[in-house]
Amino acid sequence: MLKTVLRAAVAAAVLTAAPLASAKDLKLADFQPPSHFVVGSVYEPFKKSVETATNGEVTVTFYMGGELGPGPSEQYNRTVEGVTDIAFGLPGYTAANFPKTLLTELPGVIDAATGTDHILAHMDMLSDEYRRVALLGLWNNAPNLLLSASKPIRTLDDMKGMKIRVPSRNAGLVVAAWGATPVSMPAPDIYNAMQTGVIDGAMIDATALKAFKLAEVTKSVTQGMKTTISSFFLIMNRDSLADLTDEQQKAVMEAGKQAARNGHDAWESTAKTVLADFGSTDGKEVITLPAEEAAKFDAASAPVVERVISEADSSGIKASAFVKALKSN
């Protein structure tokens, strides 16, 4: 009788513990500071969506500011290796892995306002580039502008001799076509590089004026030409995703797509506000190129766009088909 009671007690304990054993906390890593707007506008809704859809059986914890390891360019490998379950990053930081994805950053390939919806509609065309991870979401930022530490950029000729930070190889090709020297560098390093004169300026979207405090080391911002548009991704370790039930996986994937939409909207609205604030600050200037001068920038970068797409086609990437699909919606 006693043995029967004990067996029943053990069985009850196992049943009671089963939900706890299946509980999973997902680590989400980001190199940006904890004060960055991405936390409230993207990560908090993502966390709430996942936890609500899974009845709390899957939770999400944020690790900002490189808490799980420094180095923005290491986010992809950190996810592949399982150091984190989920990571935010830029495909441009590990460009060799994402040649098709990075076609979206070329001037004129997508429109900043509608690009994310087009990208999400054709994410299946990028599956081969994300075979080592699970792609949860991919979105474009606001258009990249030219930030200058001292010398205003009013004409294409003003670019000559300037050292400009770029976020990726393709962006570097565009900047080189404009006559400047491209310098590859992650966003967190721009402030010191501009302050110390290592670079003369940076190609980056307007949100960085606040998010990375670049307004403090920037005198002028130039816009008006067709420019590069960087992309951001949320990727997940494949084993971490496989550890979840089918329903939990679906919840995470759906939350990832919505995170992409939220990310796009947050970057777009924040960029407008931050740029307006910058332009209204004494000693700061937002330069919008007149149409005639903007056309010179566009004419200089157009051959770069054609060459990158052609070279990608030649390597078997089917770049033209992807670009056509993005423009078809």
C-alpha atoms as a PDB file:
ATOM      1  CA  MET A   1       0.000   0.000   0.000  1.00  0.00           C
ATOM      2  CA  LEU A   2       2.798   2.370   0.960  1.00  0.00           C
ATOM      3  CA  LYS A   3       4.623   1.658  -2.307  1.00  0.00           C
ATOM      4  CA  THR A   4       1.454   2.403  -4.250  1.00  0.00           C
ATOM      5  CA  VAL A   5       1.038   5.733  -2.479  1.00  0.00           C
ATOM      6  CA  LEU A   6       4.673   6.655  -3.138  1.00  0.00           C
ATOM      7  CA  ARG A   7       4.375   5.772  -6.818  1.00  0.00           C
ATOM      8  CA  ALA A   8       1.275   7.945  -7.090  1.00  0.00           C
ATOM      9  CA  ALA A   9       3.052  10.826  -5.361  1.00  0.00           C
ATOM     10  CA  VAL A  10       6.056  10.585  -7.681  1.00  0.00           C
ATOM     11  CA  ALA A  11       3.814  10.429 -10.741  1.00  0.00           C
ATOM     12  CA  ALA A  12       1.905  13.492  -9.554  1.00  0.00           C
ATOM     13  CA  ALA A  13       5.147  15.363  -8.967  1.00  0.00           C
ATOM     14  CA  VAL A  14       6.367  14.553 -12.465  1.00  0.00           C
ATOM     15  CA  LEU A  15       3.118  15.708 -14.012  1.00  0.00           C
ATOM     16  CA  THR A  16       3.194  18.902 -11.979  1.00  0.00           C
ATOM     17  CA  ALA A  17       6.794  19.604 -12.964  1.00  0.00           C
ATOM     18  CA  ALA A  18       6.288  18.944 -16.678  1.00  0.00           C
ATOM     19  CA  PRO A  19       5.160  22.472 -17.633  1.00  0.00           C
ATOM     20  CA  LEU A  20       8.139  23.947 -15.758  1.00  0.00           C
ATOM     21  CA  ALA A  21      10.543  21.609 -17.509  1.00  0.00           C
ATOM     22  CA  SER A  22       9.270  22.791 -20.907  1.00  0.00           C
ATOM     23  CA  ALA A  23       9.622  26.472 -19.982  1.00  0.00           C
ATOM     24  CA  LYS A  24      12.229  28.268 -22.045  1.00  0.00           C
ATOM     25  CA  ASP A  25      13.839  31.667 -21.610  1.00  0.00           C
ATOM     26  CA  LEU A  26      15.227  33.090 -24.840  1.00  0.00           C
ATOM     27  CA  LYS A  27      18.255  35.376 -24.668  1.00  0.00           C
ATOM     28  CA  LEU A  28      18.027  38.335 -27.060  1.00  0.00           C
ATOM     29  CA  ALA A  29      21.367  40.073 -27.640  1.00  0.00           C
ATOM     30  CA  ASP A  30      21.942  43.561 -29.021  1.00  0.00           C
ATOM     31  CA  PHE A  31      25.133  45.649 -29.159  1.00  0.00           C
ATOM     32  CA  GLN A  32      23.181  48.918 -28.919  1.00  0.00           C
ATOM     33  CA  PRO A  33      22.830  50.719 -25.585  1.00  0.00           C
ATOM     34  CA  PRO A  34      19.936  49.824 -23.250  1.00  0.00           C
ATOM     35  CA  SER A  35      18.579  53.352 -23.751  1.00  0.00           C
ATOM     36  CA  HIS A  36      18.091  52.748 -27.492  1.00  0.00           C
ATOM     37  CA  PHE A  37      14.521  53.183 -28.739  1.00  0.00           C
ATOM     38  CA  VAL A  38      14.560  49.643 -30.158  1.00  0.00           C
ATOM     39  CA  VAL A  39      13.884  48.277 -26.671  1.00  0.00           C
ATOM     40  CA  GLY A  40      10.500  49.923 -26.212  1.00  0.00           C
ATOM     41  CA  SER A  41       9.381  49.956 -29.830  1.00  0.00           C
ATOM     42  CA  VAL A  42      10.541  46.512 -30.965  1.00  0.00           C
ATOM     43  CA  TYR A  43      11.745  44.224 -28.183  1.00  0.00           C
ATOM     44  CA  GLU A  44       9.064  44.843 -25.576  1.00  0.00           C
ATOM     45  CA  PRO A  45       6.227  44.130 -28.056  1.00  0.00           C
ATOM     46  CA  PHE A  46       8.135  41.069 -29.311  1.00  0.00           C
ATOM     47  CA  LYS A  47       8.546  39.781 -25.757  1.00  0.00           C
ATOM     48  CA  LYS A  48       4.884  40.397 -24.919  1.00  0.00           C
ATOM     49  CA  SER A  49       3.694  38.688 -28.090  1.00  0.00           C
ATOM     50  CA  VAL A  50       5.806  35.569 -27.507  1.00  0.00           C
ATOM     51  CA  GLU A  51       4.972  35.262 -23.823  1.00  0.00           C
ATOM     52  CA  THR A  52       1.249  35.837 -24.375  1.00  0.00           C
ATOM     53  CA  ALA A  53       0.995  33.382 -27.274  1.00  0.00           C
ATOM     54  CA  THR A  54       2.835  30.676 -25.304  1.00  0.00           C
ATOM     55  CA  ASN A  55       1.042  31.293 -21.991  1.00  0.00           C
ATOM     56  CA  GLY A  56       4.334  32.251 -20.421  1.00  0.00           C
ATOM     57  CA  GLU A  57       6.040  28.961 -21.301  1.00  0.00           C
ATOM     58  CA  VAL A  58       8.506  30.884 -23.481  1.00  0.00           C
ATOM     59  CA  THR A  59       9.972  34.094 -22.098  1.00  0.00           C
ATOM     60  CA  VAL A  60      12.430  36.609 -23.522  1.00  0.00           C
ATOM     61  CA  THR A  61      15.264  38.420 -21.727  1.00  0.00           C
ATOM     62  CA  PHE A  62      17.195  41.299 -23.298  1.00  0.00           C
ATOM     63  CA  TYR A  63      20.976  41.642 -23.125  1.00  0.00           C
ATOM     64  CA  MET A  64      21.813  45.115 -24.412  1.00  0.00           C
ATOM     65  CA  GLY A  65      25.083  46.929 -24.887  1.00  0.00           C
ATOM     66  CA  GLY A  66      27.012  43.810 -25.885  1.00  0.00           C
ATOM     67  CA  GLU A  67      26.380  42.159 -22.529  1.00  0.00           C
ATOM     68  CA  LEU A  68      26.775  38.702 -24.066  1.00  0.00           C
ATOM     69  CA  GLY A  69      29.953  39.731 -25.841  1.00  0.00           C
ATOM     70  CA  PRO A  70      31.270  42.889 -27.496  1.00  0.00           C
ATOM     71  CA  GLY A  71      31.515  43.468 -31.218  1.00  0.00           C
ATOM     72  CA  PRO A  72      28.531  44.232 -33.494  1.00  0.00           C
ATOM     73  CA  SER A  73      30.040  42.182 -36.301  1.00  0.00           C
ATOM     74  CA  GLU A  74      30.042  39.092 -34.055  1.00  0.00           C
ATOM     75  CA  GLN A  75      26.257  38.981 -33.673  1.00  0.00           C
ATOM     76  CA  TYR A  76      25.760  36.472 -36.484  1.00  0.00           C
ATOM     77  CA  ASN A  77      28.416  34.011 -35.285  1.00  0.00           C
ATOM     78  CA  ARG A  78      27.266  34.472 -31.712  1.00  0.00           C
ATOM     79  CA  THR A  79      23.829  33.252 -32.772  1.00  0.00           C
ATOM     80  CA  VAL A  80      25.143  30.360 -34.880  1.00  0.00           C
ATOM     81  CA  GLU A  81      27.265  29.168 -31.960  1.00  0.00           C
ATOM     82  CA  GLY A  82      24.431  29.412 -29.439  1.00  0.00           C
ATOM     83  CA  VAL A  83      25.958  32.101 -27.235  1.00  0.00           C
ATOM     84  CA  THR A  84      22.605  33.808 -27.633  1.00  0.00           C
ATOM     85  CA  ASP A  85      19.257  32.495 -28.794  1.00  0.00           C
ATOM     86  CA  ILE A  86      18.281  35.613 -30.726  1.00  0.00           C
ATOM     87  CA  ALA A  87      20.358  38.531 -31.958  1.00  0.00           C
ATOM     88  CA  PHE A  88      19.906  41.887 -33.626  1.00  0.00           C
ATOM     89  CA  GLY A  89      22.443  42.784 -36.272  1.00  0.00           C
ATOM     90  CA  LEU A  90      23.252  44.252 -39.652  1.00  0.00           C
ATOM     91  CA  PRO A  91      23.807  41.916 -42.613  1.00  0.00           C
ATOM     92  CA  GLY A  92      26.366  44.445 -43.823  1.00  0.00           C
ATOM     93  CA  TYR A  93      28.690  43.684 -40.907  1.00  0.00           C
ATOM     94  CA  THR A  94      29.216  40.149 -42.247  1.00  0.00           C
ATOM     95  CA  ALA A  95      28.603  40.977 -45.899  1.00  0.00           C
ATOM     96  CA  ALA A  96      30.081  37.781 -47.333  1.00  0.00           C
ATOM     97  CA  ASN A  97      27.205  35.799 -45.807  1.00  0.00           C
ATOM     98  CA  PHE A  98      24.434  37.976 -47.239  1.00  0.00           C
ATOM     99  CA  PRO A  99      25.135  39.143 -50.807  1.00  0.00           C
ATOM    100  CA  LYS A 100      21.492  38.843 -51.866  1.00  0.00           C
ATOM    101  CA  THR A 101      20.140  40.543 -48.740  1.00  0.00           C
ATOM    102  CA  LEU A 102      22.531  43.432 -49.260  1.00  0.00           C
ATOM    103  CA  LEU A 103      21.118  44.171 -52.695  1.00  0.00           C
ATOM    104  CA  THR A 104      18.309  45.896 -50.807  1.00  0.00           C
ATOM    105  CA  GLU A 105      20.687  48.606 -49.632  1.00  0.00           C
ATOM    106  CA  LEU A 106      21.692  49.761 -53.094  1.00  0.00           C
ATOM    107  CA  PRO A 107      20.311  53.164 -54.126  1.00  0.00           C
ATOM    108  CA  GLY A 108      16.917  52.792 -55.805  1.00  0.00           C
ATOM    109  CA  VAL A 109      16.345  49.075 -55.156  1.00  0.00           C
ATOM    110  CA  ILE A 110      13.767  49.660 -52.412  1.00  0.00           C
ATOM    111  CA  ASP A 111      11.891  52.674 -51.136  1.00  0.00           C
ATOM    112  CA  ALA A 112      12.502  53.485 -47.482  1.00  0.00           C
ATOM    113  CA  ALA A 113       8.791  53.813 -46.767  1.00  0.00           C
ATOM    114  CA  THR A 114       7.654  50.516 -48.298  1.00  0.00           C
ATOM    115  CA  GLY A 115      10.838  48.444 -48.396  1.00  0.00           C
ATOM    116  CA  THR A 116      10.167  46.348 -45.308  1.00  0.00           C
ATOM    117  CA  ASP A 117       6.796  45.109 -46.554  1.00  0.00           C
ATOM    118  CA  HIS A 118       8.391  44.143 -49.857  1.00  0.00           C
ATOM    119  CA  ILE A 119      11.267  42.374 -48.121  1.00  0.00           C
ATOM    120  CA  LEU A 120       8.925  40.414 -45.824  1.00  0.00           C
ATOM    121  CA  ALA A 121       6.826  39.385 -48.826  1.00  0.00           C
ATOM    122  CA  HIS A 122       9.889  37.826 -50.440  1.00  0.00           C
ATOM    123  CA  MET A 123      11.844  36.492 -47.460  1.00  0.00           C
ATOM    124  CA  ASP A 124      11.603  33.004 -48.964  1.00  0.00           C
ATOM    125  CA  MET A 125      14.004  34.166 -51.691  1.00  0.00           C
ATOM    126  CA  LEU A 126      16.620  34.751 -48.979  1.00  0.00           C
ATOM    127  CA  SER A 127      16.332  31.361 -47.260  1.00  0.00           C
ATOM    128  CA  ASP A 128      19.641  30.083 -48.631  1.00  0.00           C
ATOM    129  CA  GLU A 129      21.533  32.924 -46.951  1.00  0.00           C
ATOM    130  CA  TYR A 130      20.046  32.167 -43.531  1.00  0.00           C
ATOM    131  CA  ARG A 131      20.350  28.366 -43.565  1.00  0.00           C
ATOM    132  CA  ARG A 132      22.615  28.397 -40.470  1.00  0.00           C
ATOM    133  CA  VAL A 133      20.116  30.430 -38.457  1.00  0.00           C
ATOM    134  CA  ALA A 134      16.387  31.083 -38.426  1.00  0.00           C
ATOM    135  CA  LEU A 135      15.468  34.469 -39.884  1.00  0.00           C
ATOM    136  CA  LEU A 136      12.782  35.967 -37.650  1.00  0.00           C
ATOM    137  CA  GLY A 137      12.593  39.430 -39.156  1.00  0.00           C
ATOM    138  CA  LEU A 138      14.335  41.731 -41.609  1.00  0.00           C
ATOM    139  CA  TRP A 139      13.651  45.423 -42.035  1.00  0.00           C
ATOM    140  CA  ASN A 140      15.141  48.514 -43.633  1.00  0.00           C
ATOM    141  CA  ASN A 141      16.115  51.603 -41.714  1.00  0.00           C
ATOM    142  CA  ALA A 142      15.589  55.220 -42.683  1.00  0.00           C
ATOM    143  CA  PRO A 143      17.732  56.384 -45.630  1.00  0.00           C
ATOM    144  CA  ASN A 144      21.413  56.727 -44.854  1.00  0.00           C
ATOM    145  CA  LEU A 145      22.572  60.346 -44.844  1.00  0.00           C
ATOM    146  CA  LEU A 146      25.997  61.950 -44.953  1.00  0.00           C
ATOM    147  CA  LEU A 147      27.087  63.273 -41.565  1.00  0.00           C
ATOM    148  CA  SER A 148      30.061  65.631 -41.597  1.00  0.00           C
ATOM    149  CA  ALA A 149      32.194  66.614 -38.628  1.00  0.00           C
ATOM    150  CA  SER A 150      33.254  69.988 -40.038  1.00  0.00           C
ATOM    151  CA  LYS A 151      33.187  70.355 -43.832  1.00  0.00           C
ATOM    152  CA  PRO A 152      29.671  70.862 -45.227  1.00  0.00           C
ATOM    153  CA  ILE A 153      28.805  68.603 -48.173  1.00  0.00           C
ATOM    154  CA  ARG A 154      26.897  70.767 -50.653  1.00  0.00           C
ATOM    155  CA  THR A 155      28.192  69.380 -53.944  1.00  0.00           C
ATOM    156  CA  LEU A 156      29.603  66.147 -55.307  1.00  0.00           C
ATOM    157  CA  ASP A 157      33.006  67.828 -55.523  1.00  0.00           C
ATOM    158  CA  ASP A 158      32.942  68.397 -51.754  1.00  0.00           C
ATOM    159  CA  MET A 159      33.234  64.631 -51.273  1.00  0.00           C
ATOM    160  CA  LYS A 160      36.719  64.500 -52.760  1.00  0.00           C
ATOM    161  CA  GLY A 161      39.389  63.692 -50.211  1.00  0.00           C
ATOM    162  CA  MET A 162      36.933  62.996 -47.386  1.00  0.00           C
ATOM    163  CA  LYS A 163      37.106  59.809 -45.314  1.00  0.00           C
ATOM    164  CA  ILE A 164      33.557  58.576 -44.799  1.00  0.00           C
ATOM    165  CA  ARG A 165      32.503  55.711 -42.573  1.00  0.00           C
ATOM    166  CA  VAL A 166      30.325  53.144 -44.357  1.00  0.00           C
ATOM    167  CA  PRO A 167      28.176  50.301 -42.960  1.00  0.00           C
ATOM    168  CA  SER A 168      28.968  47.742 -45.674  1.00  0.00           C
ATOM    169  CA  ARG A 169      30.911  46.894 -48.814  1.00  0.00           C
ATOM    170  CA  ASN A 170      28.135  48.057 -51.154  1.00  0.00           C
ATOM    171  CA  ALA A 171      27.841  51.358 -49.316  1.00  0.00           C
ATOM    172  CA  GLY A 172      31.590  51.704 -49.639  1.00  0.00           C
ATOM    173  CA  LEU A 173      31.361  51.292 -53.402  1.00  0.00           C
ATOM    174  CA  VAL A 174      28.762  54.050 -53.551  1.00  0.00           C
ATOM    175  CA  VAL A 175      30.820  56.418 -51.399  1.00  0.00           C
ATOM    176  CA  ALA A 176      33.883  55.709 -53.515  1.00  0.00           C
ATOM    177  CA  ALA A 177      31.879  56.520 -56.648  1.00  0.00           C
ATOM    178  CA  TRP A 178      31.043  59.845 -55.040  1.00  0.00           C
ATOM    179  CA  GLY A 179      34.754  60.576 -54.733  1.00  0.00           C
ATOM    180  CA  ALA A 180      35.375  59.917 -51.027  1.00  0.00           C
ATOM    181  CA  THR A 181      37.399  57.229 -49.284  1.00  0.00           C
ATOM    182  CA  PRO A 182      35.135  54.658 -47.568  1.00  0.00           C
ATOM    183  CA  VAL A 183      36.093  53.434 -44.097  1.00  0.00           C
ATOM    184  CA  SER A 184      34.340  50.333 -42.758  1.00  0.00           C
ATOM    185  CA  MET A 185      33.338  50.735 -39.119  1.00  0.00           C
ATOM    186  CA  PRO A 186      30.489  49.616 -36.796  1.00  0.00           C
ATOM    187  CA  ALA A 187      28.147  52.325 -35.548  1.00  0.00           C
ATOM    188  CA  PRO A 188      29.355  52.410 -31.907  1.00  0.00           C
ATOM    189  CA  ASP A 189      32.857  53.401 -33.093  1.00  0.00           C
ATOM    190  CA  ILE A 190      31.808  56.407 -35.182  1.00  0.00           C
ATOM    191  CA  TYR A 191      31.684  58.956 -32.353  1.00  0.00           C
ATOM    192  CA  ASN A 192      35.330  58.646 -31.345  1.00  0.00           C
ATOM    193  CA  ALA A 193      36.482  58.362 -34.947  1.00  0.00           C
ATOM    194  CA  MET A 194      34.757  61.609 -35.909  1.00  0.00           C
ATOM    195  CA  GLN A 195      35.804  63.366 -32.729  1.00  0.00           C
ATOM    196  CA  THR A 196      39.467  62.495 -33.219  1.00  0.00           C
ATOM    197  CA  GLY A 197      39.551  63.097 -36.968  1.00  0.00           C
ATOM    198  CA  VAL A 198      40.116  59.473 -37.956  1.00  0.00           C
ATOM    199  CA  ILE A 199      37.166  59.995 -40.318  1.00  0.00           C
ATOM    200  CA  ASP A 200      35.625  63.187 -41.687  1.00  0.00           C
ATOM    201  CA  GLY A 201      32.075  61.941 -41.654  1.00  0.00           C
ATOM    202  CA  ALA A 202      29.758  58.980 -41.752  1.00  0.00           C
ATOM    203  CA  MET A 203      27.080  57.400 -43.881  1.00  0.00           C
ATOM    204  CA  ILE A 204      24.331  56.390 -41.471  1.00  0.00           C
ATOM    205  CA  ASP A 205      20.652  57.088 -40.853  1.00  0.00           C
ATOM    206  CA  ALA A 206      19.451  60.066 -38.831  1.00  0.00           C
ATOM    207  CA  THR A 207      18.506  58.052 -35.732  1.00  0.00           C
ATOM    208  CA  ALA A 208      22.223  57.686 -34.972  1.00  0.00           C
ATOM    209  CA  LEU A 209      22.412  61.403 -34.217  1.00  0.00           C
ATOM    210  CA  LYS A 210      20.618  60.572 -30.978  1.00  0.00           C
ATOM    211  CA  ALA A 211      21.083  56.835 -30.456  1.00  0.00           C
ATOM    212  CA  PHE A 212      24.876  57.072 -30.694  1.00  0.00           C
ATOM    213  CA  LYS A 213      25.082  60.783 -29.748  1.00  0.00           C
ATOM    214  CA  LEU A 214      26.576  61.660 -33.122  1.00  0.00           C
ATOM    215  CA  ALA A 215      24.890  65.070 -33.052  1.00  0.00           C
ATOM    216  CA  GLU A 216      27.641  66.083 -30.620  1.00  0.00           C
ATOM    217  CA  VAL A 217      30.372  65.518 -33.230  1.00  0.00           C
ATOM    218  CA  THR A 218      28.399  66.383 -36.375  1.00  0.00           C
ATOM    219  CA  LYS A 219      28.203  69.879 -37.833  1.00  0.00           C
ATOM    220  CA  SER A 220      26.076  69.189 -40.902  1.00  0.00           C
ATOM    221  CA  VAL A 221      23.939  66.485 -42.482  1.00  0.00           C
ATOM    222  CA  THR A 222      23.418  66.129 -46.231  1.00  0.00           C
ATOM    223  CA  GLN A 223      20.392  64.513 -47.860  1.00  0.00           C
ATOM    224  CA  GLY A 224      18.474  64.598 -51.133  1.00  0.00           C
ATOM    225  CA  MET A 225      20.368  62.101 -53.328  1.00  0.00           C
ATOM    226  CA  LYS A 226      19.460  58.458 -53.880  1.00  0.00           C
ATOM    227  CA  THR A 227      21.341  56.778 -51.099  1.00  0.00           C
ATOM    228  CA  THR A 228      21.928  53.438 -49.443  1.00  0.00           C
ATOM    229  CA  ILE A 229      19.324  51.990 -47.093  1.00  0.00           C
ATOM    230  CA  SER A 230      20.713  49.575 -44.516  1.00  0.00           C
ATOM    231  CA  SER A 231      18.849  46.525 -43.258  1.00  0.00           C
ATOM    232  CA  PHE A 232      18.626  45.013 -39.793  1.00  0.00           C
ATOM    233  CA  PHE A 233      17.822  41.448 -38.881  1.00  0.00           C
ATOM    234  CA  LEU A 234      16.561  39.435 -35.950  1.00  0.00           C
ATOM    235  CA  ILE A 235      18.014  35.944 -36.244  1.00  0.00           C
ATOM    236  CA  MET A 236      17.662  32.888 -34.016  1.00  0.00           C
ATOM    237  CA  ASN A 237      19.815  29.875 -33.269  1.00  0.00           C
ATOM    238  CA  ARG A 238      18.303  26.885 -35.086  1.00  0.00           C
ATOM    239  CA  ASP A 239      18.683  24.504 -32.142  1.00  0.00           C
ATOM    240  CA  SER A 240      16.983  26.996 -29.836  1.00  0.00           C
ATOM    241  CA  LEU A 241      14.060  27.214 -32.219  1.00  0.00           C
ATOM    242  CA  ALA A 242      13.916  23.428 -32.613  1.00  0.00           C
ATOM    243  CA  ASP A 243      13.720  23.037 -28.817  1.00  0.00           C
ATOM    244  CA  LEU A 244      10.319  24.734 -28.896  1.00  0.00           C
ATOM    245  CA  THR A 245       7.020  23.049 -29.723  1.00  0.00           C
ATOM    246  CA  ASP A 246       5.467  23.674 -33.130  1.00  0.00           C
ATOM    247  CA  GLU A 247       3.020  26.158 -31.664  1.00  0.00           C
ATOM    248  CA  GLN A 248       5.767  27.975 -29.780  1.00  0.00           C
ATOM    249  CA  GLN A 249       7.879  28.148 -32.933  1.00  0.00           C
ATOM    250  CA  LYS A 250       4.950  29.660 -34.796  1.00  0.00           C
ATOM    251  CA  ALA A 251       4.498  32.262 -32.047  1.00  0.00           C
ATOM    252  CA  VAL A 252       8.154  33.290 -32.214  1.00  0.00           C
ATOM    253  CA  MET A 253       8.192  33.483 -36.004  1.00  0.00           C
ATOM    254  CA  GLU A 254       5.015  35.569 -36.129  1.00  0.00           C
ATOM    255  CA  ALA A 255       6.355  37.877 -33.434  1.00  0.00           C
ATOM    256  CA  GLY A 256       9.537  38.245 -35.483  1.00  0.00           C
ATOM    257  CA  LYS A 257       7.669  39.451 -38.559  1.00  0.00           C
ATOM    258  CA  GLN A 258       5.765  41.990 -36.492  1.00  0.00           C
ATOM    259  CA  ALA A 259       9.035  43.072 -34.874  1.00  0.00           C
ATOM    260  CA  ALA A 260      10.323  43.852 -38.375  1.00  0.00           C
ATOM    261  CA  ARG A 261       7.318  46.047 -39.101  1.00  0.00           C
ATOM    262  CA  ASN A 262       7.655  47.753 -35.724  1.00  0.00           C
ATOM    263  CA  GLY A 263      11.362  48.236 -36.340  1.00  0.00           C
ATOM    264  CA  HIS A 264      10.786  49.914 -39.673  1.00  0.00           C
ATOM    265  CA  ASP A 265       8.156  52.245 -38.257  1.00  0.00           C
ATOM    266  CA  ALA A 266      10.316  53.121 -35.244  1.00  0.00           C
ATOM    267  CA  TRP A 267      13.403  53.922 -37.320  1.00  0.00           C
ATOM    268  CA  GLU A 268      11.383  55.976 -39.809  1.00  0.00           C
ATOM    269  CA  SER A 269       9.534  58.094 -37.243  1.00  0.00           C
ATOM    270  CA  THR A 270      12.552  58.533 -34.980  1.00  0.00           C
ATOM    271  CA  ALA A 271      14.728  59.594 -37.923  1.00  0.00           C
ATOM    272  CA  LYS A 272      12.299  62.367 -38.871  1.00  0.00           C
ATOM    273  CA  THR A 273      12.094  63.693 -35.329  1.00  0.00           C
ATOM    274  CA  VAL A 274      15.821  63.522 -34.649  1.00  0.00           C
ATOM    275  CA  LEU A 275      16.741  65.180 -37.956  1.00  0.00           C
ATOM    276  CA  ALA A 276      14.287  68.018 -37.326  1.00  0.00           C
ATOM    277  CA  ASP A 277      15.729  68.558 -33.847  1.00  0.00           C
ATOM    278  CA  PHE A 278      19.258  68.576 -35.251  1.00  0.00           C
ATOM    279  CA  GLY A 279      18.374  71.134 -37.912  1.00  0.00           C
ATOM    280  CA  SER A 280      16.828  73.480 -35.370  1.00  0.00           C
ATOM    281  CA  THR A 281      19.928  73.451 -33.138  1.00  0.00           C
ATOM    282  CA  ASP A 282      22.261  76.446 -33.257  1.00  0.00           C
ATOM    283  CA  GLY A 283      25.433  75.715 -35.188  1.00  0.00           C
ATOM    284  CA  LYS A 284      23.950  72.658 -36.916  1.00  0.00           C
ATOM    285  CA  GLU A 285      22.722  72.439 -40.507  1.00  0.00           C
ATOM    286  CA  VAL A 286      20.653  70.043 -42.587  1.00  0.00           C
ATOM    287  CA  ILE A 287      21.604  70.413 -46.244  1.00  0.00           C
ATOM    288  CA  THR A 288      19.082  69.234 -48.818  1.00  0.00           C
ATOM    289  CA  LEU A 289      20.753  69.018 -52.200  1.00  0.00           C
ATOM    290  CA  PRO A 290      19.071  70.890 -55.043  1.00  0.00           C
ATOM    291  CA  ALA A 291      17.767  68.595 -57.781  1.00  0.00           C
ATOM    292  CA  GLU A 292      20.598  69.417 -60.175  1.00  0.00           C
ATOM    293  CA  GLU A 293      23.283  68.526 -57.616  1.00  0.00           C
ATOM    294  CA  ALA A 294      21.438  65.425 -56.379  1.00  0.00           C
ATOM    295  CA  ALA A 295      21.351  64.196 -59.973  1.00  0.00           C
ATOM    296  CA  LYS A 296      25.160  64.277 -60.062  1.00  0.00           C
ATOM    297  CA  PHE A 297      25.326  61.988 -57.013  1.00  0.00           C
ATOM    298  CA  ASP A 298      22.763  59.658 -58.591  1.00  0.00           C
ATOM    299  CA  ALA A 299      24.592  59.535 -61.922  1.00  0.00           C
ATOM    300  CA  ALA A 300      27.823  58.652 -60.127  1.00  0.00           C
ATOM    301  CA  SER A 301      26.272  55.784 -58.134  1.00  0.00           C
ATOM    302  CA  ALA A 302      24.103  54.300 -60.917  1.00  0.00           C
ATOM    303  CA  PRO A 303      26.961  52.287 -62.519  1.00  0.00           C
ATOM    304  CA  VAL A 304      27.773  50.831 -59.090  1.00  0.00           C
ATOM    305  CA  VAL A 305      24.220  49.531 -58.705  1.00  0.00           C
ATOM    306  CA  GLU A 306      24.281  47.958 -62.167  1.00  0.00           C
ATOM    307  CA  ARG A 307      27.706  46.388 -61.594  1.00  0.00           C
ATOM    308  CA  VAL A 308      26.856  44.880 -58.192  1.00  0.00           C
ATOM    309  CA  ILE A 309      23.647  43.311 -59.514  1.00  0.00           C
ATOM    310  CA  SER A 310      25.423  42.016 -62.636  1.00  0.00           C
ATOM    311  CA  GLU A 311      28.282  40.506 -60.631  1.00  0.00           C
ATOM    312  CA  ALA A 312      25.814  38.875 -58.259  1.00  0.00           C
ATOM    313  CA  ASP A 313      23.946  37.349 -61.207  1.00  0.00           C
ATOM    314  CA  SER A 314      27.217  36.011 -62.588  1.00  0.00           C
ATOM    315  CA  SER A 315      27.954  34.292 -59.280  1.00  0.00           C
ATOM    316  CA  GLY A 316      24.614  32.474 -59.372  1.00  0.00           C
ATOM    317  CA  ILE A 317      22.764  34.558 -56.793  1.00  0.00           C
ATOM    318  CA  LYS A 318      19.820  35.410 -59.117  1.00  0.00           C
ATOM    319  CA  ALA A 319      20.094  39.025 -58.094  1.00  0.00           C
ATOM    320  CA  SER A 320      18.072  40.496 -60.953  1.00  0.00           C
ATOM    321  CA  ALA A 321      15.112  38.254 -60.142  1.00  0.00           C
ATOM    322  CA  PHE A 322      15.231  39.281 -56.483  1.00  0.00           C
ATOM    323  CA  VAL A 323      15.470  42.992 -57.307  1.00  0.00           C
ATOM    324  CA  LYS A 324      12.608  42.673 -59.792  1.00  0.00           C
ATOM    325  CA  ALA A 325      10.469  40.949 -57.165  1.00  0.00           C
ATOM    326  CA  LEU A 326      11.169  43.695 -54.632  1.00  0.00           C
ATOM    327  CA  LYS A 327      10.091  46.344 -57.122  1.00  0.00           C
ATOM    328  CA  SER A 328       7.010  44.476 -58.318  1.00  0.00           C
ATOM    329  CA  ASN A 329       4.845  44.960 -55.204  1.00  0.00           C
END
